[in-house]
Amino acid sequence: MVALEVLPENAEAACQRLADLTRQSPHVRVIVMADRGVRQAEWVLREAGAVHVLFSPDQWVRLRPLFRRFFDQLPASQTTFREHVWSSLPWPRHATDVSEKSVITKGSVNGQRPN
């Protein structure tokens, strides 16, 4: 799921990007958050691949069913949130979970008191 902001000054480029994105990745769902100044382009954006076009923040309520279906289709995770975060760090081999280590005090090295 992708959210794309469309303003009057980027409307043409955003529409082209939207069409390219949905053509290259047909499984991607794009929600357009647009300035009211591009309201006349709503159907062009939909034709380019937007599943929803919103013109004000109070319209987000309409997306609840879409988000619910999207999250229901995600596979159930076999890892905890903590495990997922640690595994997605850019340095997972070097990262250690401080909750599993002893408390390190000022001046200590690897949890050991200095000599």
PDB file of N, CA and C in Angstrom:
ATOM      1  N   MET A   1       0.853  -1.165   0.000  1.00  0.00           N
ATOM      2  CA  MET A   1       0.000   0.000   0.000  1.00  0.00           C
ATOM      3  C   MET A   1       0.905   1.237   0.000  1.00  0.00           C
ATOM      4  N   VAL A   2       0.585   2.188  -0.868  1.00  0.00           N
ATOM      5  CA  VAL A   2       1.382   3.397  -1.036  1.00  0.00           C
ATOM      6  C   VAL A   2       0.461   4.604  -0.951  1.00  0.00           C
ATOM      7  N   ALA A   3       0.928   5.641  -0.276  1.00  0.00           N
ATOM      8  CA  ALA A   3       0.198   6.915  -0.253  1.00  0.00           C
ATOM      9  C   ALA A   3       0.994   7.905  -1.089  1.00  0.00           C
ATOM     10  N   LEU A   4       0.329   8.592  -1.980  1.00  0.00           N
ATOM     11  CA  LEU A   4       0.976   9.534  -2.885  1.00  0.00           C
ATOM     12  C   LEU A   4       0.324  10.901  -2.725  1.00  0.00           C
ATOM     13  N   GLU A   5       1.137  11.905  -2.436  1.00  0.00           N
ATOM     14  CA  GLU A   5       0.618  13.269  -2.301  1.00  0.00           C
ATOM     15  C   GLU A   5       0.653  13.954  -3.661  1.00  0.00           C
ATOM     16  N   VAL A   6      -0.462  14.561  -4.024  1.00  0.00           N
ATOM     17  CA  VAL A   6      -0.554  15.250  -5.309  1.00  0.00           C
ATOM     18  C   VAL A   6      -0.946  16.700  -5.054  1.00  0.00           C
ATOM     19  N   LEU A   7      -0.099  17.595  -5.553  1.00  0.00           N
ATOM     20  CA  LEU A   7      -0.329  19.035  -5.459  1.00  0.00           C
ATOM     21  C   LEU A   7      -0.490  19.587  -6.868  1.00  0.00           C
ATOM     22  N   PRO A   8      -1.045  20.781  -7.017  1.00  0.00           N
ATOM     23  CA  PRO A   8      -1.191  21.330  -8.371  1.00  0.00           C
ATOM     24  C   PRO A   8       0.132  21.385  -9.147  1.00  0.00           C
ATOM     25  N   GLU A   9       1.222  21.680  -8.446  1.00  0.00           N
ATOM     26  CA  GLU A   9       2.509  21.807  -9.147  1.00  0.00           C
ATOM     27  C   GLU A   9       3.141  20.466  -9.518  1.00  0.00           C
ATOM     28  N   ASN A  10       2.692  19.356  -8.932  1.00  0.00           N
ATOM     29  CA  ASN A  10       3.285  18.068  -9.304  1.00  0.00           C
ATOM     30  C   ASN A  10       2.250  17.094  -9.876  1.00  0.00           C
ATOM     31  N   ALA A  11       1.072  17.570 -10.179  1.00  0.00           N
ATOM     32  CA  ALA A  11      -0.032  16.695 -10.594  1.00  0.00           C
ATOM     33  C   ALA A  11       0.306  15.866 -11.834  1.00  0.00           C
ATOM     34  N   GLU A  12       0.876  16.486 -12.828  1.00  0.00           N
ATOM     35  CA  GLU A  12       1.174  15.745 -14.061  1.00  0.00           C
ATOM     36  C   GLU A  12       2.230  14.671 -13.809  1.00  0.00           C
ATOM     37  N   ALA A  13       3.306  15.040 -13.123  1.00  0.00           N
ATOM     38  CA  ALA A  13       4.370  14.069 -12.826  1.00  0.00           C
ATOM     39  C   ALA A  13       3.861  12.964 -11.905  1.00  0.00           C
ATOM     40  N   ALA A  14       3.021  13.305 -10.930  1.00  0.00           N
ATOM     41  CA  ALA A  14       2.472  12.315 -10.007  1.00  0.00           C
ATOM     42  C   ALA A  14       1.571  11.333 -10.745  1.00  0.00           C
ATOM     43  N   CYS A  15       0.798  11.820 -11.677  1.00  0.00           N
ATOM     44  CA  CYS A  15      -0.079  10.956 -12.456  1.00  0.00           C
ATOM     45  C   CYS A  15       0.749   9.970 -13.289  1.00  0.00           C
ATOM     46  N   GLN A  16       1.819  10.448 -13.880  1.00  0.00           N
ATOM     47  CA  GLN A  16       2.703   9.565 -14.660  1.00  0.00           C
ATOM     48  C   GLN A  16       3.370   8.538 -13.743  1.00  0.00           C
ATOM     49  N   ARG A  17       3.830   8.986 -12.579  1.00  0.00           N
ATOM     50  CA  ARG A  17       4.467   8.080 -11.611  1.00  0.00           C
ATOM     51  C   ARG A  17       3.475   7.011 -11.139  1.00  0.00           C
ATOM     52  N   LEU A  18       2.266   7.412 -10.895  1.00  0.00           N
ATOM     53  CA  LEU A  18       1.210   6.495 -10.479  1.00  0.00           C
ATOM     54  C   LEU A  18       0.963   5.437 -11.549  1.00  0.00           C
ATOM     55  N   ALA A  19       0.845   5.860 -12.792  1.00  0.00           N
ATOM     56  CA  ALA A  19       0.624   4.921 -13.898  1.00  0.00           C
ATOM     57  C   ALA A  19       1.804   3.955 -14.026  1.00  0.00           C
ATOM     58  N   ASP A  20       3.024   4.465 -13.926  1.00  0.00           N
ATOM     59  CA  ASP A  20       4.218   3.615 -14.011  1.00  0.00           C
ATOM     60  C   ASP A  20       4.250   2.604 -12.864  1.00  0.00           C
ATOM     61  N   LEU A  21       3.972   3.084 -11.667  1.00  0.00           N
ATOM     62  CA  LEU A  21       4.021   2.227 -10.479  1.00  0.00           C
ATOM     63  C   LEU A  21       3.008   1.091 -10.569  1.00  0.00           C
ATOM     64  N   THR A  22       1.788   1.409 -10.930  1.00  0.00           N
ATOM     65  CA  THR A  22       0.759   0.367 -10.992  1.00  0.00           C
ATOM     66  C   THR A  22       0.966  -0.580 -12.172  1.00  0.00           C
ATOM     67  N   ARG A  23       1.627  -0.115 -13.215  1.00  0.00           N
ATOM     68  CA  ARG A  23       1.945  -0.993 -14.347  1.00  0.00           C
ATOM     69  C   ARG A  23       3.088  -1.939 -13.967  1.00  0.00           C
ATOM     70  N   GLN A  24       4.113  -1.426 -13.284  1.00  0.00           N
ATOM     71  CA  GLN A  24       5.265  -2.241 -12.906  1.00  0.00           C
ATOM     72  C   GLN A  24       4.953  -3.187 -11.746  1.00  0.00           C
ATOM     73  N   SER A  25       4.094  -2.772 -10.847  1.00  0.00           N
ATOM     74  CA  SER A  25       3.762  -3.570  -9.661  1.00  0.00           C
ATOM     75  C   SER A  25       2.244  -3.623  -9.501  1.00  0.00           C
ATOM     76  N   PRO A  26       1.582  -4.497 -10.233  1.00  0.00           N
ATOM     77  CA  PRO A  26       0.126  -4.525 -10.211  1.00  0.00           C
ATOM     78  C   PRO A  26      -0.478  -4.863  -8.843  1.00  0.00           C
ATOM     79  N   HIS A  27       0.298  -5.440  -7.941  1.00  0.00           N
ATOM     80  CA  HIS A  27      -0.216  -5.772  -6.610  1.00  0.00           C
ATOM     81  C   HIS A  27      -0.216  -4.575  -5.656  1.00  0.00           C
ATOM     82  N   VAL A  28       0.421  -3.486  -6.042  1.00  0.00           N
ATOM     83  CA  VAL A  28       0.490  -2.291  -5.201  1.00  0.00           C
ATOM     84  C   VAL A  28      -0.841  -1.549  -5.257  1.00  0.00           C
ATOM     85  N   ARG A  29      -1.309  -1.105  -4.104  1.00  0.00           N
ATOM     86  CA  ARG A  29      -2.522  -0.288  -4.012  1.00  0.00           C
ATOM     87  C   ARG A  29      -2.112   1.117  -3.631  1.00  0.00           C
ATOM     88  N   VAL A  30      -2.540   2.103  -4.407  1.00  0.00           N
ATOM     89  CA  VAL A  30      -2.123   3.491  -4.197  1.00  0.00           C
ATOM     90  C   VAL A  30      -3.310   4.339  -3.761  1.00  0.00           C
ATOM     91  N   ILE A  31      -3.110   5.044  -2.661  1.00  0.00           N
ATOM     92  CA  ILE A  31      -4.084   6.011  -2.167  1.00  0.00           C
ATOM     93  C   ILE A  31      -3.508   7.388  -2.459  1.00  0.00           C
ATOM     94  N   VAL A  32      -4.269   8.215  -3.123  1.00  0.00           N
ATOM     95  CA  VAL A  32      -3.804   9.563  -3.454  1.00  0.00           C
ATOM     96  C   VAL A  32      -4.393  10.556  -2.463  1.00  0.00           C
ATOM     97  N   MET A  33      -3.502  11.337  -1.860  1.00  0.00           N
ATOM     98  CA  MET A  33      -3.909  12.444  -0.990  1.00  0.00           C
ATOM     99  C   MET A  33      -3.669  13.702  -1.803  1.00  0.00           C
ATOM    100  N   ALA A  34      -4.734  14.316  -2.254  1.00  0.00           N
ATOM    101  CA  ALA A  34      -4.612  15.402  -3.217  1.00  0.00           C
ATOM    102  C   ALA A  34      -5.074  16.732  -2.655  1.00  0.00           C
ATOM    103  N   ASP A  35      -4.459  17.763  -3.155  1.00  0.00           N
ATOM    104  CA  ASP A  35      -4.872  19.127  -2.863  1.00  0.00           C
ATOM    105  C   ASP A  35      -6.210  19.358  -3.560  1.00  0.00           C
ATOM    106  N   ARG A  36      -7.051  20.164  -2.941  1.00  0.00           N
ATOM    107  CA  ARG A  36      -8.368  20.434  -3.552  1.00  0.00           C
ATOM    108  C   ARG A  36      -8.234  21.082  -4.936  1.00  0.00           C
ATOM    109  N   GLY A  37      -7.090  21.689  -5.189  1.00  0.00           N
ATOM    110  CA  GLY A  37      -6.858  22.332  -6.485  1.00  0.00           C
ATOM    111  C   GLY A  37      -6.749  21.360  -7.648  1.00  0.00           C
ATOM    112  N   VAL A  38      -6.607  20.066  -7.369  1.00  0.00           N
ATOM    113  CA  VAL A  38      -6.534  19.080  -8.450  1.00  0.00           C
ATOM    114  C   VAL A  38      -7.772  18.189  -8.485  1.00  0.00           C
ATOM    115  N   ARG A  39      -8.854  18.663  -7.866  1.00  0.00           N
ATOM    116  CA  ARG A  39     -10.099  17.882  -7.825  1.00  0.00           C
ATOM    117  C   ARG A  39     -10.557  17.478  -9.231  1.00  0.00           C
ATOM    118  N   GLN A  40     -10.357  18.345 -10.213  1.00  0.00           N
ATOM    119  CA  GLN A  40     -10.806  18.031 -11.574  1.00  0.00           C
ATOM    120  C   GLN A  40     -10.015  16.858 -12.179  1.00  0.00           C
ATOM    121  N   ALA A  41      -8.891  16.484 -11.575  1.00  0.00           N
ATOM    122  CA  ALA A  41      -8.080  15.378 -12.099  1.00  0.00           C
ATOM    123  C   ALA A  41      -8.370  14.054 -11.395  1.00  0.00           C
ATOM    124  N   GLU A  42      -9.386  14.011 -10.538  1.00  0.00           N
ATOM    125  CA  GLU A  42      -9.664  12.789  -9.770  1.00  0.00           C
ATOM    126  C   GLU A  42      -9.800  11.559 -10.662  1.00  0.00           C
ATOM    127  N   TRP A  43     -10.571  11.645 -11.717  1.00  0.00           N
ATOM    128  CA  TRP A  43     -10.803  10.466 -12.547  1.00  0.00           C
ATOM    129  C   TRP A  43      -9.590  10.101 -13.384  1.00  0.00           C
ATOM    130  N   VAL A  44      -8.761  11.068 -13.690  1.00  0.00           N
ATOM    131  CA  VAL A  44      -7.500  10.759 -14.383  1.00  0.00           C
ATOM    132  C   VAL A  44      -6.588   9.977 -13.437  1.00  0.00           C
ATOM    133  N   LEU A  45      -6.542  10.392 -12.156  1.00  0.00           N
ATOM    134  CA  LEU A  45      -5.735   9.682 -11.160  1.00  0.00           C
ATOM    135  C   LEU A  45      -6.267   8.264 -10.938  1.00  0.00           C
ATOM    136  N   ARG A  46      -7.574   8.125 -10.905  1.00  0.00           N
ATOM    137  CA  ARG A  46      -8.162   6.794 -10.749  1.00  0.00           C
ATOM    138  C   ARG A  46      -7.855   5.918 -11.964  1.00  0.00           C
ATOM    139  N   GLU A  47      -7.930   6.502 -13.138  1.00  0.00           N
ATOM    140  CA  GLU A  47      -7.611   5.762 -14.359  1.00  0.00           C
ATOM    141  C   GLU A  47      -6.143   5.336 -14.369  1.00  0.00           C
ATOM    142  N   ALA A  48      -5.284   6.156 -13.775  1.00  0.00           N
ATOM    143  CA  ALA A  48      -3.852   5.844 -13.702  1.00  0.00           C
ATOM    144  C   ALA A  48      -3.564   4.755 -12.672  1.00  0.00           C
ATOM    145  N   GLY A  49      -4.538   4.475 -11.769  1.00  0.00           N
ATOM    146  CA  GLY A  49      -4.336   3.367 -10.846  1.00  0.00           C
ATOM    147  C   GLY A  49      -4.643   3.628  -9.385  1.00  0.00           C
ATOM    148  N   ALA A  50      -5.074   4.831  -9.022  1.00  0.00           N
ATOM    149  CA  ALA A  50      -5.392   5.126  -7.623  1.00  0.00           C
ATOM    150  C   ALA A  50      -6.636   4.358  -7.197  1.00  0.00           C
ATOM    151  N   VAL A  51      -6.580   3.708  -6.024  1.00  0.00           N
ATOM    152  CA  VAL A  51      -7.761   3.012  -5.526  1.00  0.00           C
ATOM    153  C   VAL A  51      -8.677   3.969  -4.775  1.00  0.00           C
ATOM    154  N   HIS A  52      -8.109   5.049  -4.243  1.00  0.00           N
ATOM    155  CA  HIS A  52      -8.878   6.102  -3.587  1.00  0.00           C
ATOM    156  C   HIS A  52      -8.176   7.424  -3.811  1.00  0.00           C
ATOM    157  N   VAL A  53      -8.954   8.484  -3.924  1.00  0.00           N
ATOM    158  CA  VAL A  53      -8.422   9.840  -4.025  1.00  0.00           C
ATOM    159  C   VAL A  53      -9.112  10.655  -2.939  1.00  0.00           C
ATOM    160  N   LEU A  54      -8.319  11.195  -2.020  1.00  0.00           N
ATOM    161  CA  LEU A  54      -8.848  11.965  -0.893  1.00  0.00           C
ATOM    162  C   LEU A  54      -8.443  13.419  -1.026  1.00  0.00           C
ATOM    163  N   PHE A  55      -9.368  14.303  -0.674  1.00  0.00           N
ATOM    164  CA  PHE A  55      -9.092  15.731  -0.776  1.00  0.00           C
ATOM    165  C   PHE A  55      -9.079  16.442   0.568  1.00  0.00           C
ATOM    166  N   SER A  56      -9.363  15.728   1.651  1.00  0.00           N
ATOM    167  CA  SER A  56      -9.273  16.337   2.980  1.00  0.00           C
ATOM    168  C   SER A  56      -9.026  15.244   4.014  1.00  0.00           C
ATOM    169  N   PRO A  57      -8.389  15.599   5.134  1.00  0.00           N
ATOM    170  CA  PRO A  57      -8.079  14.593   6.164  1.00  0.00           C
ATOM    171  C   PRO A  57      -9.304  13.891   6.734  1.00  0.00           C
ATOM    172  N   ASP A  58     -10.439  14.550   6.771  1.00  0.00           N
ATOM    173  CA  ASP A  58     -11.619  13.896   7.334  1.00  0.00           C
ATOM    174  C   ASP A  58     -12.171  12.790   6.430  1.00  0.00           C
ATOM    175  N   GLN A  59     -11.661  12.656   5.230  1.00  0.00           N
ATOM    176  CA  GLN A  59     -12.079  11.576   4.339  1.00  0.00           C
ATOM    177  C   GLN A  59     -11.353  10.258   4.635  1.00  0.00           C
ATOM    178  N   TRP A  60     -10.346  10.281   5.509  1.00  0.00           N
ATOM    179  CA  TRP A  60      -9.606   9.062   5.846  1.00  0.00           C
ATOM    180  C   TRP A  60     -10.517   7.992   6.428  1.00  0.00           C
ATOM    181  N   VAL A  61     -11.608   8.401   7.068  1.00  0.00           N
ATOM    182  CA  VAL A  61     -12.553   7.446   7.664  1.00  0.00           C
ATOM    183  C   VAL A  61     -13.056   6.461   6.612  1.00  0.00           C
ATOM    184  N   ARG A  62     -13.202   6.927   5.400  1.00  0.00           N
ATOM    185  CA  ARG A  62     -13.698   6.060   4.325  1.00  0.00           C
ATOM    186  C   ARG A  62     -12.755   4.902   4.020  1.00  0.00           C
ATOM    187  N   LEU A  63     -11.509   4.999   4.474  1.00  0.00           N
ATOM    188  CA  LEU A  63     -10.524   3.966   4.144  1.00  0.00           C
ATOM    189  C   LEU A  63     -10.471   2.815   5.140  1.00  0.00           C
ATOM    190  N   ARG A  64     -11.221   2.902   6.226  1.00  0.00           N
ATOM    191  CA  ARG A  64     -11.191   1.815   7.230  1.00  0.00           C
ATOM    192  C   ARG A  64     -11.414   0.434   6.619  1.00  0.00           C
ATOM    193  N   PRO A  65     -12.449   0.251   5.804  1.00  0.00           N
ATOM    194  CA  PRO A  65     -12.650  -1.087   5.220  1.00  0.00           C
ATOM    195  C   PRO A  65     -11.476  -1.529   4.346  1.00  0.00           C
ATOM    196  N   LEU A  66     -10.882  -0.593   3.615  1.00  0.00           N
ATOM    197  CA  LEU A  66      -9.738  -0.918   2.765  1.00  0.00           C
ATOM    198  C   LEU A  66      -8.560  -1.384   3.610  1.00  0.00           C
ATOM    199  N   PHE A  67      -8.240  -0.653   4.676  1.00  0.00           N
ATOM    200  CA  PHE A  67      -7.132  -1.035   5.553  1.00  0.00           C
ATOM    201  C   PHE A  67      -7.422  -2.362   6.247  1.00  0.00           C
ATOM    202  N   ARG A  68      -8.653  -2.560   6.668  1.00  0.00           N
ATOM    203  CA  ARG A  68      -9.015  -3.815   7.336  1.00  0.00           C
ATOM    204  C   ARG A  68      -8.786  -4.998   6.388  1.00  0.00           C
ATOM    205  N   ARG A  69      -9.243  -4.892   5.147  1.00  0.00           N
ATOM    206  CA  ARG A  69      -9.033  -5.974   4.175  1.00  0.00           C
ATOM    207  C   ARG A  69      -7.549  -6.173   3.907  1.00  0.00           C
ATOM    208  N   PHE A  70      -6.809  -5.068   3.791  1.00  0.00           N
ATOM    209  CA  PHE A  70      -5.368  -5.151   3.525  1.00  0.00           C
ATOM    210  C   PHE A  70      -4.665  -5.906   4.650  1.00  0.00           C
ATOM    211  N   PHE A  71      -4.930  -5.541   5.913  1.00  0.00           N
ATOM    212  CA  PHE A  71      -4.268  -6.191   7.034  1.00  0.00           C
ATOM    213  C   PHE A  71      -4.741  -7.627   7.226  1.00  0.00           C
ATOM    214  N   ASP A  72      -5.976  -7.928   6.888  1.00  0.00           N
ATOM    215  CA  ASP A  72      -6.472  -9.292   6.990  1.00  0.00           C
ATOM    216  C   ASP A  72      -5.783 -10.218   5.993  1.00  0.00           C
ATOM    217  N   GLN A  73      -5.305  -9.674   4.889  1.00  0.00           N
ATOM    218  CA  GLN A  73      -4.649 -10.483   3.867  1.00  0.00           C
ATOM    219  C   GLN A  73      -3.176 -10.729   4.157  1.00  0.00           C
ATOM    220  N   LEU A  74      -2.602  -9.986   5.102  1.00  0.00           N
ATOM    221  CA  LEU A  74      -1.193 -10.182   5.438  1.00  0.00           C
ATOM    222  C   LEU A  74      -1.017 -11.521   6.139  1.00  0.00           C
ATOM    223  N   PRO A  75       0.071 -12.236   5.825  1.00  0.00           N
ATOM    224  CA  PRO A  75       0.290 -13.514   6.510  1.00  0.00           C
ATOM    225  C   PRO A  75       0.596 -13.283   7.992  1.00  0.00           C
ATOM    226  N   ALA A  76       0.167 -14.209   8.816  1.00  0.00           N
ATOM    227  CA  ALA A  76       0.436 -14.098  10.250  1.00  0.00           C
ATOM    228  C   ALA A  76       1.936 -14.258  10.493  1.00  0.00           C
ATOM    229  N   SER A  77       2.467 -13.427  11.340  1.00  0.00           N
ATOM    230  CA  SER A  77       3.894 -13.454  11.636  1.00  0.00           C
ATOM    231  C   SER A  77       4.175 -14.496  12.716  1.00  0.00           C
ATOM    232  N   GLN A  78       5.263 -15.217  12.549  1.00  0.00           N
ATOM    233  CA  GLN A  78       5.675 -16.205  13.541  1.00  0.00           C
ATOM    234  C   GLN A  78       6.708 -15.611  14.509  1.00  0.00           C
ATOM    235  N   THR A  79       7.070 -14.356  14.285  1.00  0.00           N
ATOM    236  CA  THR A  79       8.045 -13.713  15.165  1.00  0.00           C
ATOM    237  C   THR A  79       7.354 -12.629  15.978  1.00  0.00           C
ATOM    238  N   THR A  80       7.953 -12.309  17.098  1.00  0.00           N
ATOM    239  CA  THR A  80       7.425 -11.220  17.905  1.00  0.00           C
ATOM    240  C   THR A  80       7.825  -9.904  17.264  1.00  0.00           C
ATOM    241  N   PHE A  81       7.183  -8.848  17.696  1.00  0.00           N
ATOM    242  CA  PHE A  81       7.531  -7.528  17.162  1.00  0.00           C
ATOM    243  C   PHE A  81       9.004  -7.222  17.446  1.00  0.00           C
ATOM    244  N   ARG A  82       9.472  -7.523  18.660  1.00  0.00           N
ATOM    245  CA  ARG A  82      10.868  -7.271  19.043  1.00  0.00           C
ATOM    246  C   ARG A  82      11.820  -8.036  18.117  1.00  0.00           C
ATOM    247  N   GLU A  83      11.527  -9.306  17.836  1.00  0.00           N
ATOM    248  CA  GLU A  83      12.377 -10.104  16.951  1.00  0.00           C
ATOM    249  C   GLU A  83      12.374  -9.537  15.537  1.00  0.00           C
ATOM    250  N   HIS A  84      11.219  -9.084  15.093  1.00  0.00           N
ATOM    251  CA  HIS A  84      11.118  -8.490  13.753  1.00  0.00           C
ATOM    252  C   HIS A  84      11.982  -7.238  13.649  1.00  0.00           C
ATOM    253  N   VAL A  85      11.905  -6.373  14.662  1.00  0.00           N
ATOM    254  CA  VAL A  85      12.706  -5.141  14.639  1.00  0.00           C
ATOM    255  C   VAL A  85      14.192  -5.469  14.648  1.00  0.00           C
ATOM    256  N   TRP A  86      14.612  -6.348  15.521  1.00  0.00           N
ATOM    257  CA  TRP A  86      16.034  -6.690  15.593  1.00  0.00           C
ATOM    258  C   TRP A  86      16.528  -7.310  14.302  1.00  0.00           C
ATOM    259  N   SER A  87      15.727  -8.144  13.673  1.00  0.00           N
ATOM    260  CA  SER A  87      16.160  -8.792  12.436  1.00  0.00           C
ATOM    261  C   SER A  87      16.207  -7.822  11.259  1.00  0.00           C
ATOM    262  N   SER A  88      15.487  -6.720  11.348  1.00  0.00           N
ATOM    263  CA  SER A  88      15.481  -5.768  10.234  1.00  0.00           C
ATOM    264  C   SER A  88      16.499  -4.651  10.390  1.00  0.00           C
ATOM    265  N   LEU A  89      17.272  -4.667  11.469  1.00  0.00           N
ATOM    266  CA  LEU A  89      18.316  -3.646  11.638  1.00  0.00           C
ATOM    267  C   LEU A  89      19.382  -3.821  10.562  1.00  0.00           C
ATOM    268  N   PRO A  90      20.035  -2.746  10.151  1.00  0.00           N
ATOM    269  CA  PRO A  90      21.042  -2.869   9.091  1.00  0.00           C
ATOM    270  C   PRO A  90      22.299  -3.602   9.557  1.00  0.00           C
ATOM    271  N   TRP A  91      22.446  -3.830  10.834  1.00  0.00           N
ATOM    272  CA  TRP A  91      23.630  -4.495  11.354  1.00  0.00           C
ATOM    273  C   TRP A  91      23.236  -5.662  12.276  1.00  0.00           C
ATOM    274  N   PRO A  92      22.346  -6.558  11.879  1.00  0.00           N
ATOM    275  CA  PRO A  92      21.826  -7.572  12.799  1.00  0.00           C
ATOM    276  C   PRO A  92      22.893  -8.488  13.388  1.00  0.00           C
ATOM    277  N   ARG A  93      23.965  -8.772  12.646  1.00  0.00           N
ATOM    278  CA  ARG A  93      24.998  -9.651  13.202  1.00  0.00           C
ATOM    279  C   ARG A  93      25.689  -9.022  14.385  1.00  0.00           C
ATOM    280  N   HIS A  94      25.784  -7.697  14.385  1.00  0.00           N
ATOM    281  CA  HIS A  94      26.525  -6.995  15.426  1.00  0.00           C
ATOM    282  C   HIS A  94      25.625  -6.458  16.525  1.00  0.00           C
ATOM    283  N   ALA A  95      24.345  -6.464  16.293  1.00  0.00           N
ATOM    284  CA  ALA A  95      23.411  -5.904  17.273  1.00  0.00           C
ATOM    285  C   ALA A  95      23.172  -6.907  18.392  1.00  0.00           C
ATOM    286  N   THR A  96      23.074  -6.397  19.576  1.00  0.00           N
ATOM    287  CA  THR A  96      22.712  -7.248  20.705  1.00  0.00           C
ATOM    288  C   THR A  96      21.559  -6.584  21.421  1.00  0.00           C
ATOM    289  N   ASP A  97      20.706  -7.388  21.937  1.00  0.00           N
ATOM    290  CA  ASP A  97      19.539  -6.897  22.659  1.00  0.00           C
ATOM    291  C   ASP A  97      19.963  -6.604  24.085  1.00  0.00           C
ATOM    292  N   VAL A  98      19.962  -5.326  24.457  1.00  0.00           N
ATOM    293  CA  VAL A  98      20.445  -4.943  25.779  1.00  0.00           C
ATOM    294  C   VAL A  98      19.597  -5.532  26.894  1.00  0.00           C
ATOM    295  N   SER A  99      18.391  -5.953  26.627  1.00  0.00           N
ATOM    296  CA  SER A  99      17.566  -6.546  27.675  1.00  0.00           C
ATOM    297  C   SER A  99      18.107  -7.913  28.070  1.00  0.00           C
ATOM    298  N   GLU A 100      18.935  -8.526  27.207  1.00  0.00           N
ATOM    299  CA  GLU A 100      19.503  -9.831  27.506  1.00  0.00           C
ATOM    300  C   GLU A 100      20.867  -9.726  28.168  1.00  0.00           C
ATOM    301  N   LYS A 101      21.444  -8.547  28.270  1.00  0.00           N
ATOM    302  CA  LYS A 101      22.775  -8.365  28.849  1.00  0.00           C
ATOM    303  C   LYS A 101      22.653  -7.809  30.248  1.00  0.00           C
ATOM    304  N   SER A 102      23.720  -7.943  30.976  1.00  0.00           N
ATOM    305  CA  SER A 102      23.733  -7.342  32.301  1.00  0.00           C
ATOM    306  C   SER A 102      23.843  -5.838  32.146  1.00  0.00           C
ATOM    307  N   VAL A 103      23.495  -5.125  33.186  1.00  0.00           N
ATOM    308  CA  VAL A 103      23.551  -3.673  33.149  1.00  0.00           C
ATOM    309  C   VAL A 103      25.007  -3.247  33.102  1.00  0.00           C
ATOM    310  N   ILE A 104      25.322  -2.372  32.191  1.00  0.00           N
ATOM    311  CA  ILE A 104      26.685  -1.881  32.043  1.00  0.00           C
ATOM    312  C   ILE A 104      26.776  -0.541  32.764  1.00  0.00           C
ATOM    313  N   THR A 105      27.712  -0.442  33.647  1.00  0.00           N
ATOM    314  CA  THR A 105      27.881   0.792  34.398  1.00  0.00           C
ATOM    315  C   THR A 105      28.977   1.633  33.775  1.00  0.00           C
ATOM    316  N   LYS A 106      29.003   2.887  34.146  1.00  0.00           N
ATOM    317  CA  LYS A 106      29.986   3.817  33.605  1.00  0.00           C
ATOM    318  C   LYS A 106      31.385   3.316  33.930  1.00  0.00           C
ATOM    319  N   GLY A 107      32.237   3.251  32.928  1.00  0.00           N
ATOM    320  CA  GLY A 107      33.620   2.819  33.107  1.00  0.00           C
ATOM    321  C   GLY A 107      33.800   1.330  32.924  1.00  0.00           C
ATOM    322  N   SER A 108      32.730   0.575  32.716  1.00  0.00           N
ATOM    323  CA  SER A 108      32.892  -0.864  32.559  1.00  0.00           C
ATOM    324  C   SER A 108      33.141  -1.203  31.089  1.00  0.00           C
ATOM    325  N   VAL A 109      33.723  -2.362  30.863  1.00  0.00           N
ATOM    326  CA  VAL A 109      33.994  -2.845  29.531  1.00  0.00           C
ATOM    327  C   VAL A 109      33.318  -4.198  29.390  1.00  0.00           C
ATOM    328  N   ASN A 110      32.438  -4.337  28.433  1.00  0.00           N
ATOM    329  CA  ASN A 110      31.696  -5.582  28.223  1.00  0.00           C
ATOM    330  C   ASN A 110      31.006  -6.080  29.485  1.00  0.00           C
ATOM    331  N   GLY A 111      30.470  -5.159  30.302  1.00  0.00           N
ATOM    332  CA  GLY A 111      29.733  -5.539  31.486  1.00  0.00           C
ATOM    333  C   GLY A 111      30.612  -5.876  32.679  1.00  0.00           C
ATOM    334  N   GLN A 112      31.950  -5.812  32.497  1.00  0.00           N
ATOM    335  CA  GLN A 112      32.888  -6.134  33.563  1.00  0.00           C
ATOM    336  C   GLN A 112      33.443  -4.862  34.172  1.00  0.00           C
ATOM    337  N   ARG A 113      33.687  -4.910  35.477  1.00  0.00           N
ATOM    338  CA  ARG A 113      34.295  -3.758  36.134  1.00  0.00           C
ATOM    339  C   ARG A 113      35.743  -3.626  35.691  1.00  0.00           C
ATOM    340  N   PRO A 114      36.200  -2.386  35.500  1.00  0.00           N
ATOM    341  CA  PRO A 114      37.612  -2.210  35.136  1.00  0.00           C
ATOM    342  C   PRO A 114      38.514  -2.580  36.314  1.00  0.00           C
ATOM    343  N   ASN A 115      39.730  -3.037  36.002  1.00  0.00           N
ATOM    344  CA  ASN A 115      40.702  -3.401  37.060  1.00  0.00           C
ATOM    345  C   ASN A 115      41.233  -2.180  37.762  1.00  0.00           C
TER     346      ASN A 115
END
